[in-house]
């Protein structure tokens, strides 16, 4: 009879809010062998008030969040610049992300190596660079990719003179979903 009373009490507690530890105590009581008819039932091993006050430790494991976007991350170099090898028209090119540049900019020698057509007869621009004013001609790059990112038909400027790296400006960056600096990384999403 005592077992039925305890079982009913345990089921009632399950419907209410009980701690994991209280539930385990109830389960231990239900699964314990019954006392001999001539012996009294031993007292259950109840937790001390300090133990009962401790919430059970549960670990919630969730799968990693998937954003649904392709992304690439570029670590900052010692100077705080974001430099990476981009695939431009199918060839590796060192590129430095310049969020202040309006266009992707590359040198005439890099453009020739990549097969980028430059119309030097048409209009051109006089642009201010870190090295002073330079002439630049508009061009179109067939494709630029980095990791899983892929952008086609990117407007660019071909500059006279040498450049240590191709500048990756807004004509590429604005075609992405987001560009975010976080923890020494530049995260690009498409």
N, C-alpha and C. Protein backbone atom coordinates (compact mmCIF):
# COMPACT_ATOMS: atom_id res chain seq x y z
N UNK A 1 0.81 -1.18 0.00
CA UNK A 1 0.00 0.00 0.00
C UNK A 1 0.87 1.26 0.00
N UNK A 2 1.95 1.20 0.78
CA UNK A 2 2.86 2.33 0.83
C UNK A 2 3.46 2.60 -0.55
N UNK A 3 3.76 1.54 -1.32
CA UNK A 3 4.33 1.71 -2.67
C UNK A 3 3.34 2.43 -3.57
N UNK A 4 2.04 2.11 -3.47
CA UNK A 4 1.04 2.80 -4.29
C UNK A 4 0.96 4.27 -3.92
N UNK A 5 1.03 4.57 -2.66
CA UNK A 5 0.98 5.96 -2.21
C UNK A 5 2.20 6.73 -2.74
N UNK A 6 3.36 6.10 -2.65
CA UNK A 6 4.58 6.75 -3.15
C UNK A 6 4.54 6.91 -4.67
N UNK A 7 4.03 5.91 -5.38
CA UNK A 7 3.92 6.01 -6.83
C UNK A 7 2.98 7.12 -7.22
N UNK A 8 1.85 7.22 -6.55
CA UNK A 8 0.90 8.30 -6.84
C UNK A 8 1.52 9.65 -6.54
N UNK A 9 2.26 9.76 -5.45
CA UNK A 9 2.91 11.02 -5.10
C UNK A 9 3.97 11.38 -6.14
N UNK A 10 4.72 10.38 -6.60
CA UNK A 10 5.76 10.64 -7.61
C UNK A 10 5.13 11.10 -8.92
N UNK A 11 4.05 10.48 -9.34
CA UNK A 11 3.39 10.90 -10.58
C UNK A 11 2.84 12.31 -10.45
N UNK A 12 2.29 12.64 -9.27
CA UNK A 12 1.79 14.00 -9.05
C UNK A 12 2.93 14.99 -9.13
N UNK A 13 4.10 14.64 -8.57
CA UNK A 13 5.26 15.54 -8.61
C UNK A 13 5.78 15.73 -10.03
N UNK A 14 5.65 14.70 -10.84
CA UNK A 14 6.12 14.82 -12.22
C UNK A 14 5.30 15.87 -12.95
N UNK A 15 4.01 15.93 -12.65
CA UNK A 15 3.16 16.92 -13.30
C UNK A 15 3.48 18.32 -12.82
N UNK A 16 3.97 18.45 -11.58
CA UNK A 16 4.36 19.76 -11.05
C UNK A 16 5.81 20.02 -11.44
N UNK A 17 6.32 21.19 -11.07
CA UNK A 17 7.71 21.51 -11.35
C UNK A 17 8.56 20.94 -10.24
N UNK A 18 9.39 19.97 -10.56
CA UNK A 18 10.28 19.36 -9.60
C UNK A 18 11.69 19.45 -10.14
N UNK A 19 12.64 19.42 -9.21
CA UNK A 19 14.03 19.45 -9.66
C UNK A 19 14.43 18.05 -10.10
N UNK A 20 15.47 17.98 -10.84
CA UNK A 20 15.98 16.70 -11.31
C UNK A 20 16.36 15.80 -10.12
N UNK A 21 16.93 16.40 -9.10
CA UNK A 21 17.33 15.63 -7.92
C UNK A 21 16.10 15.05 -7.22
N UNK A 22 15.03 15.83 -7.09
CA UNK A 22 13.80 15.34 -6.45
C UNK A 22 13.20 14.20 -7.27
N UNK A 23 13.24 14.33 -8.58
CA UNK A 23 12.72 13.28 -9.44
C UNK A 23 13.51 11.99 -9.25
N UNK A 24 14.85 12.11 -9.16
CA UNK A 24 15.68 10.92 -8.97
C UNK A 24 15.39 10.24 -7.63
N UNK A 25 15.17 11.04 -6.58
CA UNK A 25 14.85 10.47 -5.26
C UNK A 25 13.55 9.67 -5.36
N UNK A 26 12.54 10.25 -6.02
CA UNK A 26 11.26 9.55 -6.20
C UNK A 26 11.44 8.25 -6.97
N UNK A 27 12.27 8.29 -8.01
CA UNK A 27 12.52 7.09 -8.81
C UNK A 27 13.24 6.04 -8.00
N UNK A 28 14.20 6.46 -7.16
CA UNK A 28 14.90 5.51 -6.29
C UNK A 28 13.93 4.84 -5.33
N UNK A 29 13.00 5.60 -4.80
CA UNK A 29 12.02 5.04 -3.87
C UNK A 29 11.15 4.01 -4.57
N UNK A 30 10.72 4.33 -5.81
CA UNK A 30 9.84 3.42 -6.54
C UNK A 30 10.53 2.14 -6.95
N UNK A 31 11.82 2.21 -7.25
CA UNK A 31 12.52 1.02 -7.73
C UNK A 31 13.19 0.23 -6.61
N UNK A 32 13.18 0.75 -5.39
CA UNK A 32 13.80 0.03 -4.27
C UNK A 32 12.96 -1.19 -3.92
N UNK A 33 13.63 -2.29 -3.53
CA UNK A 33 12.85 -3.47 -3.12
C UNK A 33 12.04 -3.16 -1.87
N UNK A 34 10.86 -3.71 -1.78
CA UNK A 34 9.98 -3.45 -0.65
C UNK A 34 10.51 -4.08 0.63
N UNK A 35 10.09 -3.57 1.79
CA UNK A 35 10.55 -4.12 3.06
C UNK A 35 9.88 -5.45 3.33
N UNK A 36 10.54 -6.25 4.12
CA UNK A 36 9.95 -7.51 4.57
C UNK A 36 8.71 -7.17 5.38
N UNK A 37 7.68 -8.00 5.36
CA UNK A 37 6.46 -7.67 6.07
C UNK A 37 6.68 -7.38 7.55
N UNK A 38 7.65 -8.00 8.17
CA UNK A 38 7.84 -7.79 9.61
C UNK A 38 8.74 -6.60 9.90
N UNK A 39 9.40 -6.00 8.84
CA UNK A 39 10.33 -4.90 9.08
C UNK A 39 9.70 -3.57 8.63
N UNK A 40 10.09 -2.52 9.27
CA UNK A 40 9.64 -1.19 8.86
C UNK A 40 10.49 -0.74 7.68
N UNK A 41 9.93 0.07 6.82
CA UNK A 41 10.66 0.59 5.66
C UNK A 41 11.73 1.56 6.12
N UNK A 42 12.96 1.45 5.55
CA UNK A 42 14.01 2.40 5.96
C UNK A 42 13.68 3.80 5.43
N UNK A 43 14.16 4.79 6.12
CA UNK A 43 13.93 6.17 5.68
C UNK A 43 14.68 6.41 4.37
N UNK A 44 14.05 7.11 3.44
CA UNK A 44 14.75 7.38 2.17
C UNK A 44 15.96 8.29 2.42
N UNK A 45 16.93 8.17 1.55
CA UNK A 45 18.15 8.98 1.63
C UNK A 45 17.83 10.36 1.07
N UNK A 46 17.30 11.25 1.89
CA UNK A 46 16.91 12.59 1.45
C UNK A 46 18.11 13.52 1.47
N UNK A 47 18.14 14.47 0.56
CA UNK A 47 19.27 15.41 0.54
C UNK A 47 19.17 16.38 1.70
N UNK A 48 20.33 16.90 2.10
CA UNK A 48 20.37 17.93 3.13
C UNK A 48 19.80 19.21 2.52
N UNK A 49 19.36 20.17 3.33
CA UNK A 49 18.83 21.42 2.77
C UNK A 49 19.83 22.11 1.83
N UNK A 50 21.13 22.04 2.14
CA UNK A 50 22.13 22.68 1.27
C UNK A 50 22.19 21.97 -0.08
N UNK A 51 22.08 20.62 -0.09
CA UNK A 51 22.10 19.88 -1.35
C UNK A 51 20.84 20.16 -2.16
N UNK A 52 19.69 20.25 -1.47
CA UNK A 52 18.43 20.49 -2.17
C UNK A 52 18.41 21.86 -2.82
N UNK A 53 19.14 22.83 -2.23
CA UNK A 53 19.16 24.19 -2.79
C UNK A 53 19.98 24.28 -4.06
N UNK A 54 20.88 23.32 -4.31
CA UNK A 54 21.72 23.35 -5.51
C UNK A 54 20.93 22.88 -6.72
N UNK A 55 20.81 23.68 -7.74
CA UNK A 55 20.10 23.23 -8.94
C UNK A 55 20.92 22.16 -9.65
N UNK A 56 20.25 21.24 -10.31
CA UNK A 56 21.01 20.21 -11.02
C UNK A 56 21.79 20.84 -12.17
N UNK A 57 22.92 20.26 -12.47
CA UNK A 57 23.76 20.75 -13.55
C UNK A 57 23.36 20.03 -14.83
N UNK A 58 22.85 20.79 -15.77
CA UNK A 58 22.46 20.25 -17.06
C UNK A 58 23.27 20.93 -18.14
N UNK A 59 23.67 20.18 -19.12
CA UNK A 59 24.40 20.75 -20.24
C UNK A 59 23.50 20.69 -21.47
N UNK A 60 23.25 21.85 -22.04
CA UNK A 60 22.41 21.92 -23.23
C UNK A 60 23.34 21.95 -24.44
N UNK A 61 23.19 20.99 -25.30
CA UNK A 61 24.03 20.91 -26.49
C UNK A 61 23.17 21.26 -27.69
N UNK A 62 23.57 22.31 -28.38
CA UNK A 62 22.84 22.75 -29.56
C UNK A 62 23.76 22.65 -30.76
N UNK A 63 23.20 22.32 -31.92
CA UNK A 63 24.05 22.31 -33.11
C UNK A 63 24.48 23.73 -33.44
N UNK A 64 25.64 23.90 -34.11
CA UNK A 64 26.08 25.25 -34.46
C UNK A 64 25.07 25.92 -35.37
N UNK A 65 24.92 27.24 -35.18
CA UNK A 65 23.98 28.01 -35.99
C UNK A 65 24.53 28.14 -37.41
N UNK A 66 23.68 27.96 -38.37
CA UNK A 66 24.04 28.13 -39.76
C UNK A 66 23.35 29.39 -40.28
N UNK A 67 24.12 30.30 -40.83
CA UNK A 67 23.55 31.57 -41.26
C UNK A 67 22.88 31.45 -42.62
N UNK A 68 23.22 30.42 -43.38
CA UNK A 68 22.66 30.30 -44.71
C UNK A 68 23.45 31.09 -45.75
N UNK A 69 24.46 31.82 -45.33
CA UNK A 69 25.29 32.60 -46.24
C UNK A 69 26.65 31.95 -46.39
N UNK A 70 27.27 32.18 -47.56
CA UNK A 70 28.66 31.79 -47.71
C UNK A 70 29.48 32.90 -47.05
N UNK A 71 30.59 32.52 -46.45
CA UNK A 71 31.42 33.56 -45.83
C UNK A 71 32.89 33.21 -45.92
N UNK A 72 33.69 34.26 -45.83
CA UNK A 72 35.14 34.13 -45.79
C UNK A 72 35.65 35.10 -44.74
N UNK A 73 36.70 34.70 -44.04
CA UNK A 73 37.28 35.54 -42.99
C UNK A 73 38.73 35.81 -43.32
N UNK A 74 39.14 37.07 -43.10
CA UNK A 74 40.52 37.47 -43.36
C UNK A 74 41.08 38.01 -42.05
N UNK A 75 42.17 37.42 -41.53
CA UNK A 75 42.76 37.95 -40.30
C UNK A 75 43.52 39.25 -40.59
N UNK A 76 43.54 40.15 -39.61
CA UNK A 76 44.31 41.39 -39.74
C UNK A 76 45.80 41.07 -39.65
N UNK A 77 46.60 41.74 -40.47
CA UNK A 77 48.05 41.56 -40.37
C UNK A 77 48.59 42.44 -39.25
N UNK A 78 49.90 42.48 -39.08
CA UNK A 78 50.51 43.24 -37.98
C UNK A 78 50.18 44.73 -38.06
N UNK A 79 49.93 45.24 -39.26
CA UNK A 79 49.59 46.65 -39.44
C UNK A 79 48.09 46.92 -39.38
N UNK A 80 47.29 45.89 -39.11
CA UNK A 80 45.84 46.07 -39.04
C UNK A 80 45.15 46.04 -40.39
N UNK A 81 45.88 45.66 -41.45
CA UNK A 81 45.30 45.58 -42.79
C UNK A 81 44.78 44.17 -43.05
N UNK A 82 43.78 44.07 -43.91
CA UNK A 82 43.21 42.76 -44.26
C UNK A 82 43.68 42.38 -45.66
N UNK A 83 44.63 41.47 -45.72
CA UNK A 83 45.27 41.07 -46.97
C UNK A 83 45.06 39.57 -47.15
N UNK A 84 44.69 39.18 -48.37
CA UNK A 84 44.45 37.75 -48.66
C UNK A 84 44.72 37.49 -50.14
N UNK A 85 44.85 36.22 -50.48
CA UNK A 85 44.96 35.82 -51.88
C UNK A 85 43.56 35.65 -52.44
N UNK A 86 43.21 36.49 -53.41
CA UNK A 86 41.93 36.42 -54.09
C UNK A 86 42.15 35.68 -55.41
N UNK A 87 41.09 35.07 -55.90
CA UNK A 87 41.13 34.44 -57.21
C UNK A 87 40.44 35.42 -58.17
N UNK A 88 41.24 36.01 -59.07
CA UNK A 88 40.74 37.03 -60.00
C UNK A 88 40.88 36.48 -61.40
N UNK A 89 39.75 36.36 -62.10
CA UNK A 89 39.73 35.76 -63.44
C UNK A 89 40.47 34.42 -63.44
N UNK A 90 40.33 33.67 -62.35
CA UNK A 90 40.92 32.34 -62.26
C UNK A 90 42.38 32.30 -61.85
N UNK A 91 42.97 33.46 -61.51
CA UNK A 91 44.39 33.49 -61.12
C UNK A 91 44.55 34.10 -59.73
N UNK A 92 45.52 33.61 -58.98
CA UNK A 92 45.79 34.14 -57.65
C UNK A 92 46.36 35.55 -57.73
N UNK A 93 45.78 36.44 -56.91
CA UNK A 93 46.26 37.82 -56.83
C UNK A 93 46.19 38.25 -55.37
N UNK A 94 47.26 38.85 -54.88
CA UNK A 94 47.26 39.38 -53.53
C UNK A 94 46.37 40.62 -53.52
N UNK A 95 45.40 40.62 -52.62
CA UNK A 95 44.48 41.75 -52.54
C UNK A 95 44.38 42.28 -51.13
N UNK A 96 44.29 43.60 -50.99
CA UNK A 96 44.11 44.24 -49.70
C UNK A 96 42.75 44.92 -49.69
N UNK A 97 41.93 44.58 -48.69
CA UNK A 97 40.61 45.17 -48.60
C UNK A 97 40.75 46.62 -48.17
N UNK A 98 40.13 47.52 -48.93
CA UNK A 98 40.16 48.96 -48.65
C UNK A 98 38.72 49.44 -48.66
N UNK A 99 38.12 49.52 -47.46
CA UNK A 99 36.70 49.90 -47.37
C UNK A 99 36.47 51.36 -47.77
N UNK A 100 37.53 52.14 -47.85
CA UNK A 100 37.39 53.53 -48.26
C UNK A 100 37.52 53.75 -49.76
N UNK A 101 37.87 52.71 -50.50
CA UNK A 101 38.04 52.83 -51.96
C UNK A 101 36.70 52.57 -52.64
N UNK A 102 36.39 53.36 -53.64
CA UNK A 102 35.14 53.21 -54.37
C UNK A 102 35.18 52.01 -55.30
N UNK A 103 36.32 51.77 -55.92
CA UNK A 103 36.46 50.70 -56.89
C UNK A 103 37.54 49.70 -56.48
N UNK A 104 37.49 48.55 -57.11
CA UNK A 104 38.64 47.64 -57.07
C UNK A 104 39.69 48.31 -57.96
N UNK A 105 40.93 48.35 -57.49
CA UNK A 105 42.00 48.99 -58.25
C UNK A 105 43.17 48.03 -58.39
N UNK A 106 43.72 48.00 -59.60
CA UNK A 106 44.87 47.14 -59.87
C UNK A 106 45.82 47.83 -60.82
N UNK A 107 47.05 47.37 -60.82
CA UNK A 107 48.07 47.98 -61.67
C UNK A 107 47.89 47.50 -63.11
N UNK A 108 48.45 48.26 -64.05
CA UNK A 108 48.37 47.89 -65.46
C UNK A 108 49.05 46.55 -65.72
N UNK A 109 50.16 46.26 -65.02
CA UNK A 109 50.84 44.98 -65.23
C UNK A 109 49.99 43.81 -64.72
N UNK A 110 49.31 43.99 -63.59
CA UNK A 110 48.42 42.94 -63.08
C UNK A 110 47.24 42.75 -64.01
N UNK A 111 46.68 43.85 -64.51
CA UNK A 111 45.55 43.76 -65.45
C UNK A 111 45.96 42.99 -66.70
N UNK A 112 47.16 43.25 -67.23
CA UNK A 112 47.63 42.54 -68.41
C UNK A 112 47.79 41.05 -68.12
N UNK A 113 48.33 40.70 -66.94
CA UNK A 113 48.51 39.30 -66.57
C UNK A 113 47.17 38.58 -66.44
N UNK A 114 46.13 39.29 -65.97
CA UNK A 114 44.81 38.69 -65.75
C UNK A 114 43.92 38.71 -66.99
N UNK A 115 44.39 39.38 -68.04
CA UNK A 115 43.58 39.47 -69.25
C UNK A 115 42.43 40.46 -69.14
N UNK A 116 42.61 41.49 -68.29
CA UNK A 116 41.59 42.53 -68.14
C UNK A 116 41.81 43.57 -69.22
N UNK A 117 40.77 43.81 -70.03
CA UNK A 117 40.85 44.79 -71.13
C UNK A 117 40.76 46.20 -70.57
N UNK A 118 41.70 47.06 -71.01
CA UNK A 118 41.71 48.46 -70.60
C UNK A 118 41.58 49.31 -71.86
N UNK A 119 40.56 50.15 -71.90
CA UNK A 119 40.34 51.06 -73.04
C UNK A 119 41.03 52.39 -72.72
N UNK A 120 42.25 52.54 -73.20
CA UNK A 120 43.01 53.76 -72.91
C UNK A 120 42.64 54.92 -73.83
N UNK A 121 41.75 54.69 -74.79
CA UNK A 121 41.31 55.77 -75.68
C UNK A 121 40.13 56.52 -75.05
N UNK A 122 39.31 55.81 -74.29
CA UNK A 122 38.12 56.41 -73.68
C UNK A 122 38.48 57.32 -72.52
N UNK A 123 37.47 57.78 -71.83
CA UNK A 123 37.71 58.67 -70.68
C UNK A 123 38.47 57.95 -69.57
N UNK A 124 39.21 58.74 -68.82
CA UNK A 124 39.92 58.16 -67.68
C UNK A 124 39.77 59.09 -66.48
N UNK A 125 40.24 58.66 -65.36
CA UNK A 125 40.09 59.39 -64.11
C UNK A 125 41.45 59.84 -63.59
N UNK A 126 41.43 60.92 -62.85
CA UNK A 126 42.60 61.35 -62.06
C UNK A 126 42.21 61.03 -60.62
N UNK A 127 42.91 60.11 -60.00
CA UNK A 127 42.55 59.69 -58.65
C UNK A 127 43.65 59.99 -57.66
N UNK A 128 43.22 60.27 -56.43
CA UNK A 128 44.16 60.52 -55.34
C UNK A 128 44.50 59.19 -54.69
N UNK A 129 45.77 58.86 -54.62
CA UNK A 129 46.22 57.63 -53.98
C UNK A 129 47.15 57.99 -52.82
N UNK A 130 47.58 57.00 -52.09
CA UNK A 130 48.54 57.23 -51.00
C UNK A 130 49.86 57.78 -51.54
N UNK A 131 50.16 57.50 -52.82
CA UNK A 131 51.40 57.97 -53.43
C UNK A 131 51.21 59.23 -54.27
N UNK A 132 50.06 59.85 -54.19
CA UNK A 132 49.80 61.07 -54.96
C UNK A 132 48.70 60.85 -56.00
N UNK A 133 48.62 61.75 -56.96
CA UNK A 133 47.60 61.68 -58.01
C UNK A 133 48.09 60.75 -59.11
N UNK A 134 47.16 59.90 -59.62
CA UNK A 134 47.52 58.96 -60.68
C UNK A 134 46.39 58.89 -61.70
N UNK A 135 46.73 58.49 -62.92
CA UNK A 135 45.73 58.26 -63.96
C UNK A 135 45.18 56.85 -63.81
N UNK A 136 43.87 56.68 -64.03
CA UNK A 136 43.24 55.36 -63.91
C UNK A 136 42.18 55.22 -65.00
N UNK A 137 42.11 54.03 -65.58
CA UNK A 137 41.15 53.75 -66.65
C UNK A 137 40.14 52.71 -66.16
N UNK A 138 38.87 52.91 -66.53
CA UNK A 138 37.85 51.93 -66.12
C UNK A 138 38.02 50.60 -66.84
N UNK A 139 37.68 49.55 -66.13
CA UNK A 139 37.75 48.19 -66.68
C UNK A 139 36.70 47.34 -65.99
N UNK A 140 36.50 46.16 -66.49
CA UNK A 140 35.55 45.21 -65.90
C UNK A 140 36.29 43.91 -65.66
N UNK A 141 36.25 43.42 -64.42
CA UNK A 141 36.87 42.14 -64.08
C UNK A 141 35.79 41.08 -64.16
N UNK A 142 36.07 39.99 -64.87
CA UNK A 142 35.08 38.94 -65.07
C UNK A 142 34.63 38.31 -63.76
N UNK A 143 35.59 37.97 -62.87
CA UNK A 143 35.20 37.33 -61.61
C UNK A 143 36.25 37.54 -60.54
N UNK A 144 35.77 37.70 -59.31
CA UNK A 144 36.63 37.76 -58.14
C UNK A 144 36.02 36.81 -57.12
N UNK A 145 36.87 35.93 -56.56
CA UNK A 145 36.36 35.03 -55.52
C UNK A 145 37.35 34.94 -54.38
N UNK A 146 36.81 34.61 -53.22
CA UNK A 146 37.59 34.41 -52.01
C UNK A 146 36.85 33.38 -51.19
N UNK A 147 37.49 32.23 -50.96
CA UNK A 147 36.79 31.17 -50.25
C UNK A 147 35.54 30.79 -51.03
N UNK A 148 34.39 30.81 -50.38
CA UNK A 148 33.13 30.48 -51.03
C UNK A 148 32.45 31.66 -51.68
N UNK A 149 33.03 32.85 -51.59
CA UNK A 149 32.42 34.05 -52.19
C UNK A 149 32.78 34.12 -53.66
N UNK A 150 31.82 34.55 -54.48
CA UNK A 150 32.07 34.62 -55.91
C UNK A 150 31.24 35.77 -56.49
N UNK A 151 31.92 36.76 -57.09
CA UNK A 151 31.25 37.92 -57.67
C UNK A 151 31.73 38.07 -59.11
N UNK A 152 30.78 38.29 -60.01
CA UNK A 152 31.12 38.45 -61.44
C UNK A 152 30.86 39.89 -61.88
N UNK A 153 31.53 40.28 -62.98
CA UNK A 153 31.32 41.60 -63.58
C UNK A 153 31.62 42.74 -62.63
N UNK A 154 32.82 42.75 -62.05
CA UNK A 154 33.19 43.76 -61.05
C UNK A 154 33.85 44.95 -61.74
N UNK A 155 33.29 46.15 -61.47
CA UNK A 155 33.90 47.37 -61.99
C UNK A 155 35.23 47.61 -61.30
N UNK A 156 36.22 48.06 -62.09
CA UNK A 156 37.56 48.27 -61.54
C UNK A 156 38.22 49.47 -62.21
N UNK A 157 39.30 49.91 -61.61
CA UNK A 157 40.15 50.94 -62.20
C UNK A 157 41.54 50.36 -62.36
N UNK A 158 42.11 50.56 -63.53
CA UNK A 158 43.48 50.11 -63.81
C UNK A 158 44.37 51.33 -63.69
N UNK A 159 45.34 51.24 -62.78
CA UNK A 159 46.21 52.36 -62.45
C UNK A 159 47.55 52.26 -63.17
N UNK A 160 48.07 53.40 -63.55
CA UNK A 160 49.44 53.44 -64.04
C UNK A 160 50.37 53.28 -62.84
N UNK A 161 51.50 52.65 -63.07
CA UNK A 161 52.46 52.47 -61.98
C UNK A 161 52.26 51.15 -61.26
N UNK A 162 53.17 50.89 -60.34
CA UNK A 162 53.14 49.63 -59.59
C UNK A 162 52.29 49.77 -58.33
N UNK A 163 51.70 48.66 -57.95
CA UNK A 163 50.95 48.57 -56.70
C UNK A 163 51.38 47.28 -56.01
N UNK A 164 51.65 47.32 -54.71
CA UNK A 164 52.08 46.10 -54.02
C UNK A 164 50.98 45.04 -53.97
N UNK A 165 49.74 45.47 -54.00
CA UNK A 165 48.61 44.53 -53.97
C UNK A 165 47.42 45.19 -54.66
N UNK A 166 46.52 44.38 -55.16
CA UNK A 166 45.28 44.89 -55.72
C UNK A 166 44.43 45.40 -54.57
N UNK A 167 43.78 46.55 -54.74
CA UNK A 167 42.89 47.07 -53.72
C UNK A 167 41.48 46.54 -53.97
N UNK A 168 40.88 45.98 -52.94
CA UNK A 168 39.52 45.45 -53.04
C UNK A 168 38.60 46.50 -52.42
N UNK A 169 37.94 47.26 -53.28
CA UNK A 169 37.09 48.36 -52.82
C UNK A 169 35.61 48.04 -52.91
N UNK A 170 34.81 49.11 -52.83
CA UNK A 170 33.36 48.99 -52.73
C UNK A 170 32.70 48.35 -53.95
N UNK A 171 33.30 48.44 -55.12
CA UNK A 171 32.66 47.83 -56.29
C UNK A 171 32.57 46.31 -56.13
N UNK A 172 33.39 45.72 -55.27
CA UNK A 172 33.28 44.30 -54.90
C UNK A 172 32.52 44.16 -53.58
N UNK A 173 32.89 44.94 -52.57
CA UNK A 173 32.33 44.78 -51.22
C UNK A 173 30.83 45.05 -51.16
N UNK A 174 30.33 46.00 -51.96
CA UNK A 174 28.90 46.31 -51.93
C UNK A 174 28.04 45.22 -52.58
N UNK A 175 28.66 44.28 -53.22
CA UNK A 175 27.94 43.15 -53.83
C UNK A 175 27.76 42.01 -52.83
N UNK A 176 28.30 42.18 -51.61
CA UNK A 176 28.17 41.18 -50.56
C UNK A 176 27.01 41.55 -49.64
N UNK A 177 26.57 40.60 -48.83
CA UNK A 177 25.51 40.85 -47.86
C UNK A 177 26.02 41.70 -46.71
N UNK A 178 27.23 41.37 -46.21
CA UNK A 178 27.78 42.15 -45.10
C UNK A 178 29.30 42.05 -45.08
N UNK A 179 29.89 43.09 -44.49
CA UNK A 179 31.33 43.16 -44.24
C UNK A 179 31.44 43.61 -42.80
N UNK A 180 32.07 42.77 -41.95
CA UNK A 180 32.09 43.05 -40.52
C UNK A 180 33.48 42.80 -39.94
N UNK A 181 33.95 43.76 -39.14
CA UNK A 181 35.20 43.59 -38.41
C UNK A 181 34.87 43.09 -37.02
N UNK A 182 35.45 41.96 -36.63
CA UNK A 182 35.20 41.42 -35.30
C UNK A 182 36.39 40.58 -34.84
N UNK A 183 36.88 40.87 -33.66
CA UNK A 183 37.97 40.09 -33.07
C UNK A 183 39.21 39.95 -33.93
N UNK A 184 39.63 41.03 -34.59
CA UNK A 184 40.82 40.96 -35.43
C UNK A 184 40.61 40.25 -36.76
N UNK A 185 39.36 40.04 -37.12
CA UNK A 185 39.03 39.37 -38.38
C UNK A 185 38.09 40.27 -39.17
N UNK A 186 38.18 40.19 -40.48
CA UNK A 186 37.20 40.80 -41.37
C UNK A 186 36.37 39.66 -41.93
N UNK A 187 35.07 39.67 -41.64
CA UNK A 187 34.18 38.60 -42.06
C UNK A 187 33.32 39.12 -43.21
N UNK A 188 33.44 38.46 -44.35
CA UNK A 188 32.68 38.82 -45.56
C UNK A 188 31.62 37.76 -45.78
N UNK A 189 30.37 38.18 -46.00
CA UNK A 189 29.27 37.22 -46.22
C UNK A 189 28.56 37.53 -47.53
N UNK A 190 28.16 36.46 -48.20
CA UNK A 190 27.43 36.61 -49.46
C UNK A 190 26.21 35.70 -49.43
